[in-house]
N, C-alpha and C. Protein backbone atom coordinates (compact mmCIF):
# COMPACT_ATOMS: atom_id res chain seq x y z
N MET A 1 157.36 142.59 101.14
CA MET A 1 156.02 142.08 101.15
C MET A 1 155.23 142.83 102.22
N ALA A 2 154.04 143.26 101.87
CA ALA A 2 153.21 144.02 102.80
C ALA A 2 152.63 143.10 103.85
N ALA A 3 152.53 143.64 105.06
CA ALA A 3 151.95 142.87 106.15
C ALA A 3 150.44 142.77 105.95
N PRO A 4 149.85 141.66 106.38
CA PRO A 4 148.40 141.53 106.23
C PRO A 4 147.68 142.60 107.03
N LYS A 5 146.53 143.02 106.54
CA LYS A 5 145.74 144.04 107.23
C LYS A 5 145.29 143.52 108.58
N GLN A 6 145.39 144.38 109.56
CA GLN A 6 144.90 144.04 110.89
C GLN A 6 143.42 144.39 110.95
N GLY A 7 142.67 143.61 111.62
CA GLY A 7 141.23 143.87 111.76
C GLY A 7 140.57 142.68 112.40
N LYS A 8 139.27 142.75 112.45
CA LYS A 8 138.52 141.66 113.05
C LYS A 8 138.62 140.42 112.16
N SER A 9 138.78 139.27 112.82
CA SER A 9 138.78 138.05 112.03
C SER A 9 137.37 137.79 111.53
N ARG A 10 137.29 137.28 110.37
CA ARG A 10 135.98 137.05 109.77
C ARG A 10 135.33 135.82 110.39
N GLN A 11 134.17 136.00 110.97
CA GLN A 11 133.44 134.89 111.57
C GLN A 11 132.56 134.25 110.49
N PRO A 12 132.53 132.92 110.46
CA PRO A 12 131.66 132.27 109.48
C PRO A 12 130.20 132.56 109.81
N GLU A 13 129.37 132.56 108.78
CA GLU A 13 127.95 132.76 109.01
C GLU A 13 127.42 131.61 109.84
N GLU A 14 126.33 131.85 110.56
CA GLU A 14 125.77 130.88 111.48
C GLU A 14 125.56 129.51 110.83
N ASP A 15 125.04 129.49 109.61
CA ASP A 15 124.73 128.20 108.98
C ASP A 15 125.93 127.60 108.27
N GLN A 16 127.09 128.20 108.40
CA GLN A 16 128.26 127.66 107.73
C GLN A 16 129.38 127.31 108.71
N ARG A 17 129.04 127.19 109.99
CA ARG A 17 130.07 126.77 110.94
C ARG A 17 130.47 125.35 110.62
N ARG A 18 131.70 125.02 110.90
CA ARG A 18 132.21 123.69 110.56
C ARG A 18 132.79 123.01 111.78
N PHE A 19 132.62 121.72 111.82
CA PHE A 19 133.18 120.90 112.87
C PHE A 19 133.93 119.76 112.21
N HIS A 20 135.05 119.41 112.75
CA HIS A 20 135.85 118.33 112.19
C HIS A 20 135.64 117.07 113.03
N THR A 21 135.36 115.98 112.39
CA THR A 21 135.20 114.70 113.07
C THR A 21 135.59 113.60 112.10
N LYS A 22 135.60 112.36 112.56
CA LYS A 22 135.99 111.25 111.70
C LYS A 22 134.96 110.14 111.79
N VAL A 23 134.95 109.31 110.76
CA VAL A 23 134.14 108.11 110.75
C VAL A 23 135.00 107.00 111.33
N ASP A 24 134.48 106.28 112.35
CA ASP A 24 135.30 105.20 112.93
C ASP A 24 135.11 103.91 112.14
N SER A 25 135.80 102.85 112.54
CA SER A 25 135.78 101.60 111.79
C SER A 25 134.40 100.94 111.76
N ALA A 26 133.53 101.32 112.68
CA ALA A 26 132.16 100.78 112.70
C ALA A 26 131.20 101.68 111.92
N GLY A 27 131.72 102.75 111.30
CA GLY A 27 130.88 103.65 110.51
C GLY A 27 130.21 104.74 111.33
N ARG A 28 130.59 104.87 112.58
CA ARG A 28 129.98 105.89 113.44
C ARG A 28 130.70 107.22 113.29
N VAL A 29 129.91 108.28 113.44
CA VAL A 29 130.45 109.64 113.39
C VAL A 29 130.12 110.30 114.72
N LEU A 30 131.13 110.85 115.37
CA LEU A 30 130.92 111.55 116.62
C LEU A 30 130.49 112.98 116.31
N ILE A 31 129.34 113.37 116.84
CA ILE A 31 128.87 114.75 116.67
C ILE A 31 129.44 115.54 117.85
N PRO A 32 130.21 116.58 117.59
CA PRO A 32 130.83 117.35 118.68
C PRO A 32 129.80 117.85 119.69
N ALA A 33 130.20 117.90 120.95
CA ALA A 33 129.31 118.26 122.05
C ALA A 33 128.63 119.61 121.82
N ALA A 34 129.36 120.60 121.33
CA ALA A 34 128.78 121.92 121.11
C ALA A 34 127.63 121.86 120.11
N LEU A 35 127.79 121.07 119.09
CA LEU A 35 126.75 120.94 118.08
C LEU A 35 125.57 120.13 118.61
N ARG A 36 125.85 119.05 119.36
CA ARG A 36 124.77 118.28 119.96
C ARG A 36 123.93 119.15 120.89
N LYS A 37 124.59 119.96 121.67
CA LYS A 37 123.88 120.85 122.60
C LYS A 37 123.02 121.84 121.83
N GLU A 38 123.58 122.46 120.82
CA GLU A 38 122.87 123.45 120.02
C GLU A 38 121.64 122.86 119.34
N LEU A 39 121.76 121.62 118.88
CA LEU A 39 120.67 120.97 118.16
C LEU A 39 119.73 120.18 119.07
N GLY A 40 120.06 120.14 120.35
CA GLY A 40 119.22 119.41 121.29
C GLY A 40 119.28 117.91 121.11
N LEU A 41 120.44 117.41 120.75
CA LEU A 41 120.62 115.98 120.51
C LEU A 41 121.18 115.30 121.76
N ALA A 42 120.29 114.75 122.57
CA ALA A 42 120.69 114.04 123.77
C ALA A 42 120.91 112.57 123.41
N PRO A 43 121.61 111.83 124.26
CA PRO A 43 121.77 110.40 123.99
C PRO A 43 120.40 109.74 123.80
N GLY A 44 120.27 108.94 122.76
CA GLY A 44 119.01 108.27 122.47
C GLY A 44 118.07 109.03 121.55
N THR A 45 118.42 110.27 121.19
CA THR A 45 117.59 111.05 120.28
C THR A 45 117.59 110.40 118.90
N ASP A 46 116.39 110.23 118.33
CA ASP A 46 116.29 109.71 116.96
C ASP A 46 116.68 110.81 115.99
N VAL A 47 117.54 110.49 115.05
CA VAL A 47 117.96 111.45 114.04
C VAL A 47 117.73 110.86 112.65
N VAL A 48 117.61 111.75 111.69
CA VAL A 48 117.45 111.35 110.29
C VAL A 48 118.63 111.92 109.52
N LEU A 49 119.32 111.05 108.79
CA LEU A 49 120.43 111.47 107.94
C LEU A 49 119.90 111.55 106.52
N ARG A 50 120.28 112.61 105.83
CA ARG A 50 119.83 112.78 104.45
C ARG A 50 121.03 113.11 103.58
N ALA A 51 121.20 112.32 102.52
CA ALA A 51 122.28 112.58 101.57
C ALA A 51 121.77 113.60 100.56
N ALA A 52 122.56 114.60 100.33
CA ALA A 52 122.19 115.65 99.38
C ALA A 52 123.21 115.68 98.26
N ASP A 53 122.78 115.50 97.07
CA ASP A 53 123.58 115.55 95.84
C ASP A 53 124.87 114.72 95.88
N GLY A 54 124.89 113.70 96.71
CA GLY A 54 126.06 112.83 96.78
C GLY A 54 127.29 113.46 97.39
N LYS A 55 127.17 114.66 97.92
CA LYS A 55 128.33 115.36 98.47
C LYS A 55 128.13 115.80 99.92
N HIS A 56 126.89 115.90 100.36
CA HIS A 56 126.60 116.44 101.68
C HIS A 56 125.65 115.53 102.45
N VAL A 57 125.77 115.58 103.75
CA VAL A 57 124.85 114.86 104.62
C VAL A 57 124.27 115.85 105.61
N THR A 58 122.96 115.81 105.78
CA THR A 58 122.34 116.63 106.82
C THR A 58 121.85 115.70 107.92
N ILE A 59 121.92 116.19 109.13
CA ILE A 59 121.46 115.43 110.29
C ILE A 59 120.42 116.29 110.99
N ARG A 60 119.21 115.75 111.15
CA ARG A 60 118.15 116.46 111.85
C ARG A 60 117.49 115.51 112.84
N SER A 61 117.07 116.06 113.96
CA SER A 61 116.35 115.21 114.89
C SER A 61 114.97 114.91 114.31
N LEU A 62 114.47 113.73 114.61
CA LEU A 62 113.13 113.36 114.15
C LEU A 62 112.10 114.32 114.72
N ASP A 63 112.29 114.75 115.96
CA ASP A 63 111.37 115.72 116.57
C ASP A 63 111.32 117.02 115.77
N ALA A 64 112.46 117.49 115.29
CA ALA A 64 112.50 118.73 114.50
C ALA A 64 111.77 118.55 113.18
N ILE A 65 111.91 117.39 112.56
CA ILE A 65 111.23 117.12 111.29
C ILE A 65 109.72 117.09 111.50
N ILE A 66 109.29 116.43 112.57
CA ILE A 66 107.86 116.37 112.88
C ILE A 66 107.31 117.76 113.17
N ALA A 67 108.05 118.55 113.93
CA ALA A 67 107.61 119.92 114.24
C ALA A 67 107.47 120.76 112.97
N ASP A 68 108.41 120.61 112.04
CA ASP A 68 108.32 121.34 110.77
C ASP A 68 107.09 120.91 109.97
N ALA A 69 106.82 119.60 109.95
CA ALA A 69 105.65 119.10 109.21
C ALA A 69 104.37 119.62 109.84
N GLN A 70 104.31 119.62 111.17
CA GLN A 70 103.12 120.13 111.85
C GLN A 70 102.93 121.61 111.56
N ALA A 71 104.00 122.37 111.56
CA ALA A 71 103.91 123.81 111.27
C ALA A 71 103.42 124.03 109.84
N TYR A 72 103.90 123.22 108.90
CA TYR A 72 103.48 123.35 107.51
C TYR A 72 101.97 123.10 107.38
N PHE A 73 101.49 122.01 107.96
CA PHE A 73 100.07 121.66 107.81
C PHE A 73 99.15 122.54 108.64
N ARG A 74 99.69 123.18 109.66
CA ARG A 74 98.89 124.08 110.49
C ARG A 74 98.31 125.22 109.65
N GLN A 75 98.99 125.61 108.59
CA GLN A 75 98.49 126.72 107.76
C GLN A 75 97.18 126.36 107.06
N PHE A 76 96.88 125.08 106.93
CA PHE A 76 95.65 124.66 106.27
C PHE A 76 94.50 124.42 107.25
N HIS A 77 94.80 124.52 108.52
CA HIS A 77 93.80 124.25 109.56
C HIS A 77 92.89 125.46 109.77
N LYS A 78 91.59 125.19 109.80
CA LYS A 78 90.62 126.24 110.07
C LYS A 78 90.34 126.22 111.57
N PRO A 79 90.49 127.35 112.27
CA PRO A 79 90.24 127.38 113.71
C PRO A 79 88.84 126.86 114.04
N GLY A 80 88.76 126.03 115.04
CA GLY A 80 87.49 125.49 115.48
C GLY A 80 87.04 124.24 114.74
N GLU A 81 87.78 123.81 113.73
CA GLU A 81 87.40 122.62 112.98
C GLU A 81 88.42 121.52 113.22
N LEU A 82 87.91 120.33 113.52
CA LEU A 82 88.79 119.19 113.69
C LEU A 82 88.98 118.51 112.34
N LEU A 83 90.21 118.34 111.94
CA LEU A 83 90.48 117.72 110.65
C LEU A 83 89.98 116.28 110.61
N SER A 84 89.99 115.61 111.75
CA SER A 84 89.49 114.23 111.79
C SER A 84 88.00 114.19 111.46
N GLU A 85 87.24 115.16 111.96
CA GLU A 85 85.81 115.21 111.67
C GLU A 85 85.57 115.50 110.18
N GLU A 86 86.39 116.36 109.61
CA GLU A 86 86.27 116.66 108.19
C GLU A 86 86.55 115.40 107.36
N LEU A 87 87.57 114.66 107.75
CA LEU A 87 87.92 113.43 107.03
C LEU A 87 86.79 112.42 107.12
N ILE A 88 86.22 112.22 108.31
CA ILE A 88 85.12 111.28 108.49
C ILE A 88 83.92 111.69 107.63
N ARG A 89 83.62 112.99 107.62
CA ARG A 89 82.51 113.51 106.82
C ARG A 89 82.74 113.22 105.33
N GLU A 90 83.95 113.47 104.86
CA GLU A 90 84.27 113.20 103.45
C GLU A 90 84.15 111.72 103.13
N ARG A 91 84.57 110.86 104.05
CA ARG A 91 84.49 109.41 103.81
C ARG A 91 83.03 108.96 103.75
N HIS A 92 82.18 109.53 104.62
CA HIS A 92 80.76 109.19 104.60
C HIS A 92 80.13 109.61 103.28
N GLU A 93 80.48 110.81 102.81
CA GLU A 93 79.94 111.30 101.54
C GLU A 93 80.40 110.41 100.38
N GLN A 94 81.67 110.00 100.41
CA GLN A 94 82.20 109.13 99.37
C GLN A 94 81.50 107.77 99.39
N ALA A 95 81.25 107.24 100.59
CA ALA A 95 80.57 105.94 100.71
C ALA A 95 79.15 106.04 100.15
N LYS A 96 78.46 107.14 100.40
CA LYS A 96 77.11 107.32 99.87
C LYS A 96 77.12 107.30 98.34
N LEU A 97 78.13 107.95 97.76
CA LEU A 97 78.22 107.97 96.29
C LEU A 97 78.54 106.58 95.74
N GLU A 98 79.39 105.85 96.42
CA GLU A 98 79.80 104.54 95.93
C GLU A 98 78.74 103.46 96.14
N TYR A 99 78.05 103.54 97.28
CA TYR A 99 77.12 102.46 97.63
C TYR A 99 75.66 102.89 97.62
N GLY A 100 75.40 104.14 97.22
CA GLY A 100 74.04 104.63 97.11
C GLY A 100 73.29 104.70 98.42
N GLY A 101 74.01 104.87 99.53
CA GLY A 101 73.32 104.87 100.83
C GLY A 101 73.08 106.17 101.33
């Protein structure tokens, strides 16, 4: 039998690293310290769990989700314009149409 080829061990891609943990009797899952540090999950951090296709669970901090939402909506923002002022203006225009004022 031929010996296995010597070479560099294959490192998993960044988004495919794996950590082994268990669910305890109270349903809690311990997130390994290295992963908590990487994700910025300090004690008391709010997290959101999402079930994907009945086979996977993703864990994201609420702060990360909010930051992503803000980044998404930032693309629609016109520099120098306050979205709150635009909303108030639209509501006033709608009220004029509805109430003839």
